[in-house]
C-alpha atoms as a PDB file:
ATOM      1  CA  MET A   1     -20.550 -60.604   9.784  1.00  0.00           C
ATOM      2  CA  ARG A   2     -16.878 -60.198   8.605  1.00  0.00           C
ATOM      3  CA  ARG A   3     -15.711 -61.607   5.400  1.00  0.00           C
ATOM      4  CA  THR A   4     -12.839 -64.228   5.431  1.00  0.00           C
ATOM      5  CA  LEU A   5      -9.800 -64.508   3.310  1.00  0.00           C
ATOM      6  CA  PHE A   6      -7.149 -67.281   3.103  1.00  0.00           C
ATOM      7  CA  ILE A   7      -3.405 -66.222   2.454  1.00  0.00           C
ATOM      8  CA  THR A   8      -0.228 -68.031   1.854  1.00  0.00           C
ATOM      9  CA  GLY A   9       3.198 -66.572   2.613  1.00  0.00           C
ATOM     10  CA  ALA A  10       1.886 -64.519   5.621  1.00  0.00           C
ATOM     11  CA  SER A  11       5.148 -64.843   7.439  1.00  0.00           C
ATOM     12  CA  GLY A  12       6.978 -63.296   4.519  1.00  0.00           C
ATOM     13  CA  PHE A  13       7.467 -59.564   3.697  1.00  0.00           C
ATOM     14  CA  VAL A  14       4.568 -59.274   1.103  1.00  0.00           C
ATOM     15  CA  GLY A  15       2.071 -61.710   2.836  1.00  0.00           C
ATOM     16  CA  GLY A  16       2.751 -60.100   6.314  1.00  0.00           C
ATOM     17  CA  ALA A  17       1.996 -56.737   4.932  1.00  0.00           C
ATOM     18  CA  ILE A  18      -1.160 -57.776   3.425  1.00  0.00           C
ATOM     19  CA  VAL A  19      -2.447 -59.328   6.650  1.00  0.00           C
ATOM     20  CA  GLN A  20      -1.382 -56.453   8.731  1.00  0.00           C
ATOM     21  CA  ALA A  21      -3.441 -53.976   6.309  1.00  0.00           C
ATOM     22  CA  LEU A  22      -6.582 -56.256   5.882  1.00  0.00           C
ATOM     23  CA  ALA A  23      -6.798 -57.883   9.527  1.00  0.00           C
ATOM     24  CA  ASN A  24      -8.995 -55.213  11.008  1.00  0.00           C
ATOM     25  CA  ARG A  25     -11.521 -55.615   8.211  1.00  0.00           C
ATOM     26  CA  PHE A  26     -11.443 -59.357   7.470  1.00  0.00           C
ATOM     27  CA  THR A  27     -11.164 -62.530   9.288  1.00  0.00           C
ATOM     28  CA  ILE A  28      -7.882 -64.042   7.907  1.00  0.00           C
ATOM     29  CA  ARG A  29      -6.700 -67.695   7.788  1.00  0.00           C
ATOM     30  CA  ALA A  30      -3.016 -67.842   6.811  1.00  0.00           C
ATOM     31  CA  LEU A  31      -0.958 -71.047   5.801  1.00  0.00           C
ATOM     32  CA  SER A  32       1.758 -71.855   8.193  1.00  0.00           C
ATOM     33  CA  ARG A  33       4.436 -74.375   8.224  1.00  0.00           C
ATOM     34  CA  SER A  34       6.106 -74.096  11.664  1.00  0.00           C
ATOM     35  CA  GLU A  35       5.425 -72.896  15.290  1.00  0.00           C
ATOM     36  CA  THR A  36       7.739 -69.868  14.550  1.00  0.00           C
ATOM     37  CA  SER A  37       5.193 -68.880  11.557  1.00  0.00           C
ATOM     38  CA  ASP A  38       2.436 -69.583  13.705  1.00  0.00           C
ATOM     39  CA  ALA A  39       3.517 -66.913  16.255  1.00  0.00           C
ATOM     40  CA  ALA A  40       4.311 -64.380  13.556  1.00  0.00           C
ATOM     41  CA  ILE A  41       1.024 -64.758  11.913  1.00  0.00           C
ATOM     42  CA  ARG A  42      -0.978 -64.461  15.362  1.00  0.00           C
ATOM     43  CA  THR A  43       0.938 -61.284  16.018  1.00  0.00           C
ATOM     44  CA  LEU A  44      -0.188 -59.741  12.470  1.00  0.00           C
ATOM     45  CA  GLY A  45      -3.852 -60.608  13.534  1.00  0.00           C
ATOM     46  CA  ALA A  46      -4.560 -63.829  11.493  1.00  0.00           C
ATOM     47  CA  THR A  47      -5.180 -67.447  12.386  1.00  0.00           C
ATOM     48  CA  PRO A  48      -2.490 -69.987  11.391  1.00  0.00           C
ATOM     49  CA  ILE A  49      -3.470 -72.999   9.590  1.00  0.00           C
ATOM     50  CA  ARG A  50      -0.711 -75.672   9.487  1.00  0.00           C
ATOM     51  CA  GLY A  51      -0.047 -76.984   6.001  1.00  0.00           C
ATOM     52  CA  GLU A  52       2.360 -77.188   3.135  1.00  0.00           C
ATOM     53  CA  LEU A  53       2.047 -75.618  -0.355  1.00  0.00           C
ATOM     54  CA  GLY A  54       0.928 -78.561  -2.605  1.00  0.00           C
ATOM     55  CA  SER A  55      -1.029 -80.191  -0.032  1.00  0.00           C
ATOM     56  CA  VAL A  56      -3.535 -77.534   1.384  1.00  0.00           C
ATOM     57  CA  ALA A  57      -6.692 -79.003   2.520  1.00  0.00           C
ATOM     58  CA  ALA A  58      -9.975 -77.697   1.058  1.00  0.00           C
ATOM     59  CA  ASP A  59     -11.311 -77.492   4.591  1.00  0.00           C
ATOM     60  CA  ALA A  60      -8.731 -74.926   5.403  1.00  0.00           C
ATOM     61  CA  ILE A  61     -10.014 -72.522   2.714  1.00  0.00           C
ATOM     62  CA  ALA A  62     -13.717 -73.276   3.169  1.00  0.00           C
ATOM     63  CA  GLY A  63     -15.744 -70.197   3.994  1.00  0.00           C
ATOM     64  CA  SER A  64     -13.060 -67.822   2.537  1.00  0.00           C
ATOM     65  CA  GLU A  65     -14.285 -65.660  -0.182  1.00  0.00           C
ATOM     66  CA  ALA A  66     -10.843 -64.977  -1.738  1.00  0.00           C
ATOM     67  CA  VAL A  67      -7.391 -66.657  -1.683  1.00  0.00           C
ATOM     68  CA  ILE A  68      -4.244 -64.391  -1.836  1.00  0.00           C
ATOM     69  CA  HIS A  69      -1.389 -66.437  -2.881  1.00  0.00           C
ATOM     70  CA  CYS A  70       2.040 -64.849  -1.914  1.00  0.00           C
ATOM     71  CA  ALA A  71       4.086 -67.864  -1.113  1.00  0.00           C
ATOM     72  CA  ALA A  72       6.848 -68.735  -3.537  1.00  0.00           C
ATOM     73  CA  PHE A  73      10.361 -70.166  -3.633  1.00  0.00           C
ATOM     74  CA  VAL A  74      12.353 -66.996  -4.146  1.00  0.00           C
ATOM     75  CA  LYS A  75      15.786 -67.976  -3.086  1.00  0.00           C
ATOM     76  CA  GLN A  76      18.928 -66.998  -4.967  1.00  0.00           C
ATOM     77  CA  TRP A  77      20.000 -70.630  -5.414  1.00  0.00           C
ATOM     78  CA  GLY A  78      18.069 -73.971  -5.568  1.00  0.00           C
ATOM     79  CA  THR A  79      17.245 -77.017  -7.783  1.00  0.00           C
ATOM     80  CA  ARG A  80      14.726 -77.160 -10.509  1.00  0.00           C
ATOM     81  CA  GLU A  81      12.688 -79.536  -8.429  1.00  0.00           C
ATOM     82  CA  GLN A  82      12.564 -76.910  -5.494  1.00  0.00           C
ATOM     83  CA  PHE A  83      11.464 -74.056  -7.720  1.00  0.00           C
ATOM     84  CA  TRP A  84       8.925 -76.118  -9.710  1.00  0.00           C
ATOM     85  CA  ASN A  85       7.359 -77.794  -6.872  1.00  0.00           C
ATOM     86  CA  ALA A  86       6.875 -74.620  -4.738  1.00  0.00           C
ATOM     87  CA  ASN A  87       6.110 -72.237  -7.532  1.00  0.00           C
ATOM     88  CA  VAL A  88       4.127 -74.282  -9.921  1.00  0.00           C
ATOM     89  CA  GLU A  89       2.794 -77.458  -8.409  1.00  0.00           C
ATOM     90  CA  GLY A  90       1.947 -75.495  -5.250  1.00  0.00           C
ATOM     91  CA  THR A  91      -0.009 -72.993  -7.222  1.00  0.00           C
ATOM     92  CA  ARG A  92      -1.714 -75.605  -9.254  1.00  0.00           C
ATOM     93  CA  GLN A  93      -2.863 -77.599  -6.115  1.00  0.00           C
ATOM     94  CA  LEU A  94      -3.919 -74.291  -4.378  1.00  0.00           C
ATOM     95  CA  LEU A  95      -6.144 -73.286  -7.365  1.00  0.00           C
ATOM     96  CA  GLN A  96      -7.816 -76.642  -7.411  1.00  0.00           C
ATOM     97  CA  VAL A  97      -8.655 -76.517  -3.776  1.00  0.00           C
ATOM     98  CA  ALA A  98      -9.640 -72.757  -3.697  1.00  0.00           C
ATOM     99  CA  ARG A  99     -12.254 -73.554  -6.378  1.00  0.00           C
ATOM    100  CA  GLN A 100     -13.438 -76.889  -4.635  1.00  0.00           C
ATOM    101  CA  ALA A 101     -13.897 -74.926  -1.322  1.00  0.00           C
ATOM    102  CA  GLY A 102     -15.959 -72.372  -2.824  1.00  0.00           C
ATOM    103  CA  ALA A 103     -13.754 -69.324  -3.134  1.00  0.00           C
ATOM    104  CA  ARG A 104     -14.820 -66.677  -5.407  1.00  0.00           C
ATOM    105  CA  ARG A 105     -11.679 -64.944  -6.232  1.00  0.00           C
ATOM    106  CA  PHE A 106      -7.952 -65.942  -6.359  1.00  0.00           C
ATOM    107  CA  ILE A 107      -5.147 -63.217  -6.340  1.00  0.00           C
ATOM    108  CA  HIS A 108      -1.669 -64.428  -7.259  1.00  0.00           C
ATOM    109  CA  ILE A 109       1.457 -62.188  -6.498  1.00  0.00           C
ATOM    110  CA  GLY A 110       3.306 -62.270  -9.717  1.00  0.00           C
ATOM    111  CA  THR A 111       6.370 -60.664 -10.855  1.00  0.00           C
ATOM    112  CA  GLU A 112       7.679 -58.888 -13.916  1.00  0.00           C
ATOM    113  CA  ALA A 113      10.469 -61.501 -13.805  1.00  0.00           C
ATOM    114  CA  ALA A 114       7.994 -63.843 -15.299  1.00  0.00           C
ATOM    115  CA  LEU A 115       8.814 -62.166 -18.510  1.00  0.00           C
ATOM    116  CA  PHE A 116      12.543 -62.007 -18.275  1.00  0.00           C
ATOM    117  CA  HIS A 117      15.162 -64.090 -20.201  1.00  0.00           C
ATOM    118  CA  GLY A 118      18.142 -61.498 -19.917  1.00  0.00           C
ATOM    119  CA  GLN A 119      16.897 -58.787 -22.164  1.00  0.00           C
ATOM    120  CA  HIS A 120      16.181 -55.033 -21.442  1.00  0.00           C
ATOM    121  CA  MET A 121      12.462 -54.452 -20.777  1.00  0.00           C
ATOM    122  CA  ARG A 122      11.340 -50.815 -21.424  1.00  0.00           C
ATOM    123  CA  ASP A 123       8.128 -49.243 -20.923  1.00  0.00           C
ATOM    124  CA  ILE A 124       6.398 -52.679 -21.045  1.00  0.00           C
ATOM    125  CA  ASP A 125       2.831 -53.367 -20.210  1.00  0.00           C
ATOM    126  CA  GLU A 126       0.533 -56.483 -19.743  1.00  0.00           C
ATOM    127  CA  ARG A 127       0.827 -57.308 -23.700  1.00  0.00           C
ATOM    128  CA  TYR A 128       4.353 -58.037 -23.394  1.00  0.00           C
ATOM    129  CA  PRO A 129       4.884 -61.887 -24.116  1.00  0.00           C
ATOM    130  CA  TYR A 130       6.191 -64.554 -22.032  1.00  0.00           C
ATOM    131  CA  PRO A 131       9.509 -65.879 -23.160  1.00  0.00           C
ATOM    132  CA  VAL A 132       9.654 -69.098 -25.282  1.00  0.00           C
ATOM    133  CA  HIS A 133      12.648 -70.000 -23.093  1.00  0.00           C
ATOM    134  CA  THR A 134      14.560 -68.385 -20.118  1.00  0.00           C
ATOM    135  CA  PRO A 135      17.755 -69.761 -18.583  1.00  0.00           C
ATOM    136  CA  PHE A 136      16.667 -68.647 -15.118  1.00  0.00           C
ATOM    137  CA  LEU A 137      14.526 -70.871 -12.715  1.00  0.00           C
ATOM    138  CA  TYR A 138      12.695 -68.223 -10.856  1.00  0.00           C
ATOM    139  CA  PRO A 139      11.217 -66.494 -13.874  1.00  0.00           C
ATOM    140  CA  GLU A 140      10.435 -69.866 -15.591  1.00  0.00           C
ATOM    141  CA  THR A 141       8.558 -71.171 -12.711  1.00  0.00           C
ATOM    142  CA  LYS A 142       6.628 -67.825 -11.874  1.00  0.00           C
ATOM    143  CA  ALA A 143       5.650 -67.642 -15.462  1.00  0.00           C
ATOM    144  CA  ALA A 144       4.263 -71.150 -15.546  1.00  0.00           C
ATOM    145  CA  ALA A 145       2.373 -70.578 -12.327  1.00  0.00           C
ATOM    146  CA  GLU A 146       0.888 -67.294 -13.560  1.00  0.00           C
ATOM    147  CA  GLN A 147      -0.305 -69.003 -16.644  1.00  0.00           C
ATOM    148  CA  LEU A 148      -2.011 -71.651 -14.634  1.00  0.00           C
ATOM    149  CA  VAL A 149      -3.690 -68.902 -12.440  1.00  0.00           C
ATOM    150  CA  LEU A 150      -4.918 -66.987 -15.480  1.00  0.00           C
ATOM    151  CA  ALA A 151      -6.153 -70.120 -17.249  1.00  0.00           C
ATOM    152  CA  ALA A 152      -8.287 -71.205 -14.271  1.00  0.00           C
ATOM    153  CA  ASN A 153     -10.497 -68.143 -14.451  1.00  0.00           C
ATOM    154  CA  ALA A 154     -14.012 -69.209 -14.732  1.00  0.00           C
ATOM    155  CA  PRO A 155     -17.701 -67.953 -13.970  1.00  0.00           C
ATOM    156  CA  GLY A 156     -17.809 -67.574 -10.151  1.00  0.00           C
ATOM    157  CA  PHE A 157     -13.961 -68.017  -9.787  1.00  0.00           C
ATOM    158  CA  ALA A 158     -12.080 -64.968 -10.829  1.00  0.00           C
ATOM    159  CA  THR A 159      -8.319 -65.275 -10.915  1.00  0.00           C
ATOM    160  CA  LEU A 160      -5.969 -62.267 -11.118  1.00  0.00           C
ATOM    161  CA  SER A 161      -2.230 -61.772 -11.132  1.00  0.00           C
ATOM    162  CA  ILE A 162      -0.625 -58.591  -9.431  1.00  0.00           C
ATOM    163  CA  ARG A 163       2.777 -57.997 -10.747  1.00  0.00           C
ATOM    164  CA  PRO A 164       4.931 -55.611  -8.721  1.00  0.00           C
ATOM    165  CA  ARG A 165       8.602 -54.876  -9.618  1.00  0.00           C
ATOM    166  CA  PHE A 166      11.305 -54.447  -6.995  1.00  0.00           C
ATOM    167  CA  VAL A 167       9.139 -54.512  -3.749  1.00  0.00           C
ATOM    168  CA  TRP A 168      10.748 -52.416  -1.014  1.00  0.00           C
ATOM    169  CA  GLY A 169       9.730 -50.613   2.116  1.00  0.00           C
ATOM    170  CA  PRO A 170       9.250 -51.574   5.799  1.00  0.00           C
ATOM    171  CA  GLY A 171       9.556 -55.127   6.581  1.00  0.00           C
ATOM    172  CA  ASP A 172      11.729 -55.884   3.625  1.00  0.00           C
ATOM    173  CA  GLN A 173      13.551 -59.251   4.564  1.00  0.00           C
ATOM    174  CA  THR A 174      15.485 -59.539   1.530  1.00  0.00           C
ATOM    175  CA  ILE A 175      16.542 -56.577  -0.753  1.00  0.00           C
ATOM    176  CA  LEU A 176      17.818 -53.994   1.815  1.00  0.00           C
ATOM    177  CA  PRO A 177      19.314 -56.501   4.169  1.00  0.00           C
ATOM    178  CA  VAL A 178      21.290 -58.227   1.514  1.00  0.00           C
ATOM    179  CA  LEU A 179      22.481 -54.793   0.209  1.00  0.00           C
ATOM    180  CA  GLU A 180      23.432 -53.679   3.747  1.00  0.00           C
ATOM    181  CA  ALA A 181      25.384 -56.950   4.313  1.00  0.00           C
ATOM    182  CA  MET A 182      27.403 -56.503   1.014  1.00  0.00           C
ATOM    183  CA  VAL A 183      28.292 -53.050   1.688  1.00  0.00           C
ATOM    184  CA  ARG A 184      29.283 -53.787   5.217  1.00  0.00           C
ATOM    185  CA  SER A 185      31.476 -56.710   4.139  1.00  0.00           C
ATOM    186  CA  GLY A 186      33.141 -54.881   1.291  1.00  0.00           C
ATOM    187  CA  ARG A 187      31.522 -57.231  -1.407  1.00  0.00           C
ATOM    188  CA  PHE A 188      29.219 -54.570  -2.941  1.00  0.00           C
ATOM    189  CA  VAL A 189      30.081 -53.471  -6.594  1.00  0.00           C
ATOM    190  CA  TRP A 190      27.947 -51.516  -9.255  1.00  0.00           C
ATOM    191  CA  ILE A 191      27.170 -53.194 -12.398  1.00  0.00           C
ATOM    192  CA  ASP A 192      27.536 -50.762 -15.452  1.00  0.00           C
ATOM    193  CA  ASP A 193      27.919 -48.038 -12.826  1.00  0.00           C
ATOM    194  CA  GLY A 194      24.310 -48.542 -11.828  1.00  0.00           C
ATOM    195  CA  HIS A 195      23.003 -46.884 -14.798  1.00  0.00           C
ATOM    196  CA  ALA A 196      20.130 -49.358 -15.526  1.00  0.00           C
ATOM    197  CA  LEU A 197      16.689 -47.587 -15.288  1.00  0.00           C
ATOM    198  CA  THR A 198      14.070 -49.545 -13.036  1.00  0.00           C
ATOM    199  CA  SER A 199      10.565 -49.249 -11.928  1.00  0.00           C
ATOM    200  CA  THR A 200       9.968 -50.019  -8.225  1.00  0.00           C
ATOM    201  CA  THR A 201       7.033 -50.892  -5.924  1.00  0.00           C
ATOM    202  CA  HIS A 202       6.595 -49.810  -2.453  1.00  0.00           C
ATOM    203  CA  ILE A 203       4.899 -52.346  -0.291  1.00  0.00           C
ATOM    204  CA  ALA A 204       2.081 -50.031   0.618  1.00  0.00           C
ATOM    205  CA  ASN A 205       1.320 -49.597  -3.003  1.00  0.00           C
ATOM    206  CA  LEU A 206       1.398 -53.443  -3.607  1.00  0.00           C
ATOM    207  CA  VAL A 207      -0.918 -53.903  -0.586  1.00  0.00           C
ATOM    208  CA  HIS A 208      -3.232 -51.257  -2.085  1.00  0.00           C
ATOM    209  CA  ALA A 209      -3.318 -53.013  -5.319  1.00  0.00           C
ATOM    210  CA  VAL A 210      -4.267 -56.403  -3.628  1.00  0.00           C
ATOM    211  CA  GLU A 211      -7.104 -54.532  -1.754  1.00  0.00           C
ATOM    212  CA  LEU A 212      -8.423 -53.328  -4.993  1.00  0.00           C
ATOM    213  CA  GLY A 213      -8.219 -56.799  -6.551  1.00  0.00           C
ATOM    214  CA  LEU A 214     -10.544 -58.218  -4.105  1.00  0.00           C
ATOM    215  CA  GLU A 215     -13.289 -55.965  -5.508  1.00  0.00           C
ATOM    216  CA  HIS A 216     -12.147 -54.826  -8.904  1.00  0.00           C
ATOM    217  CA  GLY A 217     -10.394 -56.168 -11.951  1.00  0.00           C
ATOM    218  CA  ASN A 218     -11.218 -58.629 -14.797  1.00  0.00           C
ATOM    219  CA  GLY A 219     -10.657 -62.302 -14.043  1.00  0.00           C
ATOM    220  CA  GLY A 220      -7.976 -63.982 -16.164  1.00  0.00           C
ATOM    221  CA  ASN A 221      -5.914 -60.886 -16.244  1.00  0.00           C
ATOM    222  CA  ALA A 222      -2.508 -59.723 -14.951  1.00  0.00           C
ATOM    223  CA  TYR A 223      -1.840 -56.252 -13.695  1.00  0.00           C
ATOM    224  CA  PHE A 224       1.403 -54.426 -13.412  1.00  0.00           C
ATOM    225  CA  VAL A 225       1.611 -52.075 -10.216  1.00  0.00           C
ATOM    226  CA  THR A 226       4.450 -49.940  -9.439  1.00  0.00           C
ATOM    227  CA  ASP A 227       5.419 -46.664  -7.879  1.00  0.00           C
ATOM    228  CA  GLU A 228       5.207 -43.508 -10.001  1.00  0.00           C
ATOM    229  CA  GLY A 229       8.065 -42.905 -12.530  1.00  0.00           C
ATOM    230  CA  VAL A 230      11.348 -44.601 -12.949  1.00  0.00           C
ATOM    231  CA  THR A 231      14.732 -44.247 -11.328  1.00  0.00           C
ATOM    232  CA  PRO A 232      18.359 -45.023 -12.179  1.00  0.00           C
ATOM    233  CA  MET A 233      19.319 -48.109 -10.173  1.00  0.00           C
ATOM    234  CA  ARG A 234      22.428 -46.176  -8.569  1.00  0.00           C
ATOM    235  CA  GLU A 235      20.250 -43.352  -7.434  1.00  0.00           C
ATOM    236  CA  PHE A 236      17.644 -45.684  -5.806  1.00  0.00           C
ATOM    237  CA  LEU A 237      19.970 -48.092  -4.261  1.00  0.00           C
ATOM    238  CA  THR A 238      22.102 -45.174  -3.034  1.00  0.00           C
ATOM    239  CA  ALA A 239      18.984 -43.631  -1.386  1.00  0.00           C
ATOM    240  CA  LEU A 240      17.996 -47.075   0.029  1.00  0.00           C
ATOM    241  CA  LEU A 241      21.232 -47.636   1.789  1.00  0.00           C
ATOM    242  CA  ALA A 242      21.370 -43.995   3.088  1.00  0.00           C
ATOM    243  CA  THR A 243      18.244 -45.079   5.149  1.00  0.00           C
ATOM    244  CA  ARG A 244      20.769 -47.383   6.968  1.00  0.00           C
ATOM    245  CA  ASN A 245      23.385 -44.615   7.198  1.00  0.00           C
ATOM    246  CA  LEU A 246      25.381 -46.352   4.602  1.00  0.00           C
ATOM    247  CA  LYS A 247      27.194 -45.120   1.489  1.00  0.00           C
ATOM    248  CA  PRO A 248      28.016 -47.779  -1.263  1.00  0.00           C
ATOM    249  CA  PRO A 249      31.408 -47.662  -2.670  1.00  0.00           C
ATOM    250  CA  ALA A 250      32.148 -46.448  -6.324  1.00  0.00           C
ATOM    251  CA  LYS A 251      33.496 -49.684  -7.483  1.00  0.00           C
ATOM    252  CA  THR A 252      31.831 -50.723 -10.896  1.00  0.00           C
ATOM    253  CA  ILE A 253      32.191 -53.528 -13.465  1.00  0.00           C
ATOM    254  CA  PRO A 254      30.627 -53.856 -16.939  1.00  0.00           C
ATOM    255  CA  GLY A 255      27.504 -55.839 -17.131  1.00  0.00           C
ATOM    256  CA  TRP A 256      28.997 -58.349 -19.431  1.00  0.00           C
ATOM    257  CA  LEU A 257      31.634 -59.211 -16.927  1.00  0.00           C
ATOM    258  CA  ALA A 258      29.252 -59.620 -14.266  1.00  0.00           C
ATOM    259  CA  ARG A 259      27.054 -61.883 -16.177  1.00  0.00           C
ATOM    260  CA  THR A 260      30.291 -63.928 -17.245  1.00  0.00           C
ATOM    261  CA  LEU A 261      31.420 -64.179 -13.641  1.00  0.00           C
ATOM    262  CA  ALA A 262      28.132 -65.138 -12.470  1.00  0.00           C
ATOM    263  CA  SER A 263      27.815 -67.936 -15.071  1.00  0.00           C
ATOM    264  CA  VAL A 264      31.432 -69.213 -14.240  1.00  0.00           C
ATOM    265  CA  THR A 265      30.410 -69.103 -10.385  1.00  0.00           C
ATOM    266  CA  GLU A 266      27.184 -71.110 -10.991  1.00  0.00           C
ATOM    267  CA  THR A 267      28.884 -73.777 -12.983  1.00  0.00           C
ATOM    268  CA  ALA A 268      31.619 -74.158 -10.156  1.00  0.00           C
ATOM    269  CA  TRP A 269      28.739 -74.154  -7.486  1.00  0.00           C
ATOM    270  CA  ARG A 270      26.961 -77.051  -9.365  1.00  0.00           C
ATOM    271  CA  ALA A 271      30.257 -79.015 -10.031  1.00  0.00           C
ATOM    272  CA  LEU A 272      30.895 -78.856  -6.264  1.00  0.00           C
ATOM    273  CA  GLY A 273      27.367 -79.677  -5.251  1.00  0.00           C
ATOM    274  CA  LYS A 274      27.074 -76.616  -3.159  1.00  0.00           C
ATOM    275  CA  THR A 275      23.865 -75.634  -1.617  1.00  0.00           C
ATOM    276  CA  SER A 276      24.837 -72.269  -0.106  1.00  0.00           C
ATOM    277  CA  ASP A 277      24.146 -69.126  -2.132  1.00  0.00           C
ATOM    278  CA  PRO A 278      26.716 -68.297  -4.778  1.00  0.00           C
ATOM    279  CA  PRO A 279      28.243 -64.642  -4.352  1.00  0.00           C
ATOM    280  CA  LEU A 280      26.487 -63.803  -7.619  1.00  0.00           C
ATOM    281  CA  THR A 281      23.995 -65.586  -9.696  1.00  0.00           C
ATOM    282  CA  ARG A 282      23.276 -65.329 -13.408  1.00  0.00           C
ATOM    283  CA  PHE A 283      19.708 -64.034 -12.586  1.00  0.00           C
ATOM    284  CA  ALA A 284      20.956 -61.285 -10.270  1.00  0.00           C
ATOM    285  CA  ALA A 285      23.590 -60.128 -12.661  1.00  0.00           C
ATOM    286  CA  ALA A 286      21.261 -59.964 -15.693  1.00  0.00           C
ATOM    287  CA  MET A 287      18.605 -58.250 -13.657  1.00  0.00           C
ATOM    288  CA  MET A 288      20.900 -55.553 -12.232  1.00  0.00           C
ATOM    289  CA  SER A 289      22.481 -54.847 -15.675  1.00  0.00           C
ATOM    290  CA  ARG A 290      19.140 -54.379 -17.616  1.00  0.00           C
ATOM    291  CA  ASP A 291      16.508 -51.685 -17.824  1.00  0.00           C
ATOM    292  CA  CYS A 292      13.060 -52.606 -16.571  1.00  0.00           C
ATOM    293  CA  THR A 293      10.449 -49.853 -16.726  1.00  0.00           C
ATOM    294  CA  ILE A 294       6.787 -50.576 -16.653  1.00  0.00           C
ATOM    295  CA  THR A 295       3.524 -48.916 -17.812  1.00  0.00           C
ATOM    296  CA  ILE A 296       0.634 -49.211 -15.201  1.00  0.00           C
ATOM    297  CA  ASP A 297      -2.267 -47.755 -17.331  1.00  0.00           C
ATOM    298  CA  LYS A 298      -4.172 -51.085 -17.188  1.00  0.00           C
ATOM    299  CA  ALA A 299      -4.098 -51.182 -13.477  1.00  0.00           C
ATOM    300  CA  ARG A 300      -5.229 -47.457 -13.326  1.00  0.00           C
ATOM    301  CA  ARG A 301      -8.045 -48.282 -15.769  1.00  0.00           C
ATOM    302  CA  GLU A 302      -9.422 -51.650 -14.363  1.00  0.00           C
ATOM    303  CA  LEU A 303      -8.448 -51.628 -10.745  1.00  0.00           C
ATOM    304  CA  GLY A 304      -8.674 -48.011 -10.177  1.00  0.00           C
ATOM    305  CA  TYR A 305      -4.950 -48.230  -8.906  1.00  0.00           C
ATOM    306  CA  GLU A 306      -2.965 -45.018  -7.983  1.00  0.00           C
ATOM    307  CA  PRO A 307       0.329 -45.216  -5.898  1.00  0.00           C
ATOM    308  CA  VAL A 308      -0.562 -44.251  -2.365  1.00  0.00           C
ATOM    309  CA  VAL A 309       3.115 -43.593  -1.396  1.00  0.00           C
ATOM    310  CA  SER A 310       5.699 -41.960  -3.519  1.00  0.00           C
ATOM    311  CA  ARG A 311       9.225 -42.982  -3.698  1.00  0.00           C
ATOM    312  CA  SER A 312      10.601 -40.116  -1.882  1.00  0.00           C
ATOM    313  CA  GLU A 313       7.894 -40.406   0.898  1.00  0.00           C
ATOM    314  CA  GLY A 314       8.828 -44.052   1.280  1.00  0.00           C
ATOM    315  CA  LEU A 315      12.509 -43.326   1.701  1.00  0.00           C
ATOM    316  CA  ARG A 316      11.946 -40.520   4.221  1.00  0.00           C
ATOM    317  CA  GLU A 317       9.742 -43.054   6.252  1.00  0.00           C
ATOM    318  CA  LEU A 318      12.621 -45.676   6.183  1.00  0.00           C
ATOM    319  CA  SER A 319      15.012 -43.106   7.188  1.00  0.00           C
ATOM    320  CA  GLY A 320      12.782 -42.240  10.142  1.00  0.00           C
ATOM    321  CA  LEU A 321      12.578 -45.907  11.135  1.00  0.00           C
ATOM    322  CA  SER A 322      16.189 -46.391  11.084  1.00  0.00           C
ATOM    323  CA  GLY A 323      16.782 -43.280  12.977  1.00  0.00           C
END
């Protein structure tokens, strides 16, 4: 008899990749909000279960041994209420019904951004503290959600958070499409000449970590998972755009100026009551102008994690797909 999993965010990049990888070995139920999502989920090999974050029924999860929580409010621009309700309250309610339904494991897709308040993060590991305060809604709410997940760990209900950094690869619906649109429209500009160092996580490596998390790892713990090594932002984004036969311009502005412009833009957007994304947000400007390099020793030790796709292999694969 096949084991059953329940997943949120299956119509997105990360959730969809996880379903696609596991559907041949597990019976997967996936939270769905629309007919469009229903169709996408069925195509991936899962059964759509109609519902909304924050009001998932225990019956939807009943019989599932694990819940994989990928859904989140990840947009560039939104209200505190939108971020908080989706990322924090949605996670809180899902934890409650998962335990009520008898799930034995809960895997949350976290992020290094949960630790970010505008600073460089160099060679950090899981001992790195949450900030006392962050000016950014996405990091604030993802940190609050992760803390709920880890605190919910209990005998018979193991809770883990898998933290990737800069997820990329086939099926990416955000990073590469946004970069491509910016280059094609002439809006792309480097920040600090793209010198910031970054860790990255190919989607196949993240999926592999989630698979390992279904069997391994200590409940109540977070685990960073990344590709091998680090890369300058300029080198990686140039290679990523090259997979679409695009070359970014050489234009660059200092990080302090990018962060100032983003702050002024956000203030104007709020004053005007705009709901569309600003051309540059404070969070994006800060992230692109700060180093973020991560150590994955804990995932190696406790999950048995090793990257299954190298950065160079992943880039070659993307080039082949676009060719």
